[in-house]
Amino acid sequence: MKKILTLLLISGCGASLTLDEKIDKAHQEYAKRGSGYQSSFLPRVGNTRGDDYRNCIQQKYYRDKDQHDFCSWHAGIGKYQ
């Protein structure tokens, strides 16, 4: 049920957000990662989590954060702090 609600929220409000706004929202979620927040605003590309990780690095979604930590969190791989 939680996943369905998340998908509805993303599809309902995500379409009207610009990419910069989506990145801002993702950074707000990243700040709450210790409470279990996951990345839900950044685009998913390719077929694997590795594709998401590489795209995050290439597009510099991490901004001023540690690129490995932020992009690992976004892709849901490895350990992030």
Protein backbone atom coordinates (compact mmCIF):
# COMPACT_ATOMS: atom_id res chain seq x y z
CA MET A 1 0.00 0.00 0.00
CA LYS A 2 2.86 2.37 0.84
CA LYS A 3 4.41 1.86 -2.62
CA ILE A 4 1.09 2.55 -4.33
CA LEU A 5 0.66 5.77 -2.36
CA THR A 6 4.20 6.83 -3.23
CA LEU A 7 3.59 6.14 -6.92
CA LEU A 8 0.37 8.12 -6.86
CA LEU A 9 2.09 11.06 -5.20
CA ILE A 10 4.93 10.98 -7.70
CA SER A 11 2.72 10.67 -10.75
CA GLY A 12 0.25 13.22 -9.44
CA CYS A 13 2.66 16.02 -8.58
CA GLY A 14 5.88 14.98 -10.30
CA ALA A 15 4.72 15.84 -13.79
CA SER A 16 4.29 19.52 -12.96
CA LEU A 17 7.72 19.93 -11.37
CA THR A 18 10.76 21.10 -13.30
CA LEU A 19 13.93 19.02 -13.16
CA ASP A 20 15.49 21.54 -10.75
CA GLU A 21 12.45 21.28 -8.47
CA LYS A 22 12.67 17.49 -8.59
CA ILE A 23 16.35 17.67 -7.64
CA ASP A 24 15.46 20.04 -4.77
CA LYS A 25 12.81 17.56 -3.54
CA ALA A 26 15.28 14.67 -3.83
CA HIS A 27 17.79 16.60 -1.72
CA GLN A 28 15.09 17.14 0.92
CA GLU A 29 14.51 13.37 0.94
CA TYR A 30 18.27 12.75 1.07
CA ALA A 31 18.49 14.91 4.21
CA LYS A 32 15.97 12.52 5.81
CA ARG A 33 17.62 9.31 4.59
CA GLY A 34 18.38 8.26 8.16
CA SER A 35 14.62 7.96 8.71
CA GLY A 36 14.27 5.63 5.74
CA TYR A 37 13.47 8.12 3.00
CA GLN A 38 14.29 6.90 -0.49
CA SER A 39 14.83 8.81 -3.71
CA SER A 40 11.48 9.30 -5.42
CA PHE A 41 11.81 12.43 -7.52
CA LEU A 42 14.89 11.82 -9.69
CA PRO A 43 14.50 10.11 -13.06
CA ARG A 44 15.29 6.41 -13.39
CA VAL A 45 17.16 5.49 -16.56
CA GLY A 46 18.29 2.23 -18.06
CA ASN A 47 17.57 -1.21 -16.72
CA THR A 48 19.73 -1.46 -13.62
CA ARG A 49 20.54 0.41 -10.45
CA GLY A 50 24.03 0.87 -11.86
CA ASP A 51 22.49 2.79 -14.76
CA ASP A 52 20.71 5.06 -12.25
CA TYR A 53 23.96 5.56 -10.33
CA ARG A 54 25.98 6.45 -13.45
CA ASN A 55 23.27 8.80 -14.72
CA CYS A 56 23.17 10.55 -11.33
CA ILE A 57 26.94 11.14 -11.52
CA GLN A 58 26.80 12.31 -15.16
CA GLN A 59 23.88 14.69 -14.56
CA LYS A 60 25.44 15.97 -11.31
CA TYR A 61 22.22 15.48 -9.34
CA TYR A 62 24.37 15.35 -6.20
CA ARG A 63 25.10 19.10 -6.40
CA ASP A 64 27.29 19.98 -3.39
CA LYS A 65 26.89 16.60 -1.66
CA ASP A 66 29.32 13.68 -1.85
CA GLN A 67 28.66 12.25 -5.32
CA HIS A 68 29.14 8.61 -4.35
CA ASP A 69 26.98 8.83 -1.23
CA PHE A 70 24.13 10.75 -2.85
CA CYS A 71 24.06 8.68 -6.05
CA SER A 72 24.32 5.39 -4.12
CA TRP A 73 21.32 6.51 -2.09
CA HIS A 74 19.43 7.48 -5.25
CA ALA A 75 20.16 4.18 -6.96
CA GLY A 76 19.59 2.15 -3.80
CA ILE A 77 22.95 0.42 -3.95
CA GLY A 78 25.85 -0.02 -1.58
CA LYS A 79 26.15 1.78 1.71
CA TYR A 80 25.45 5.44 2.15
CA GLN A 81 25.76 7.51 5.28
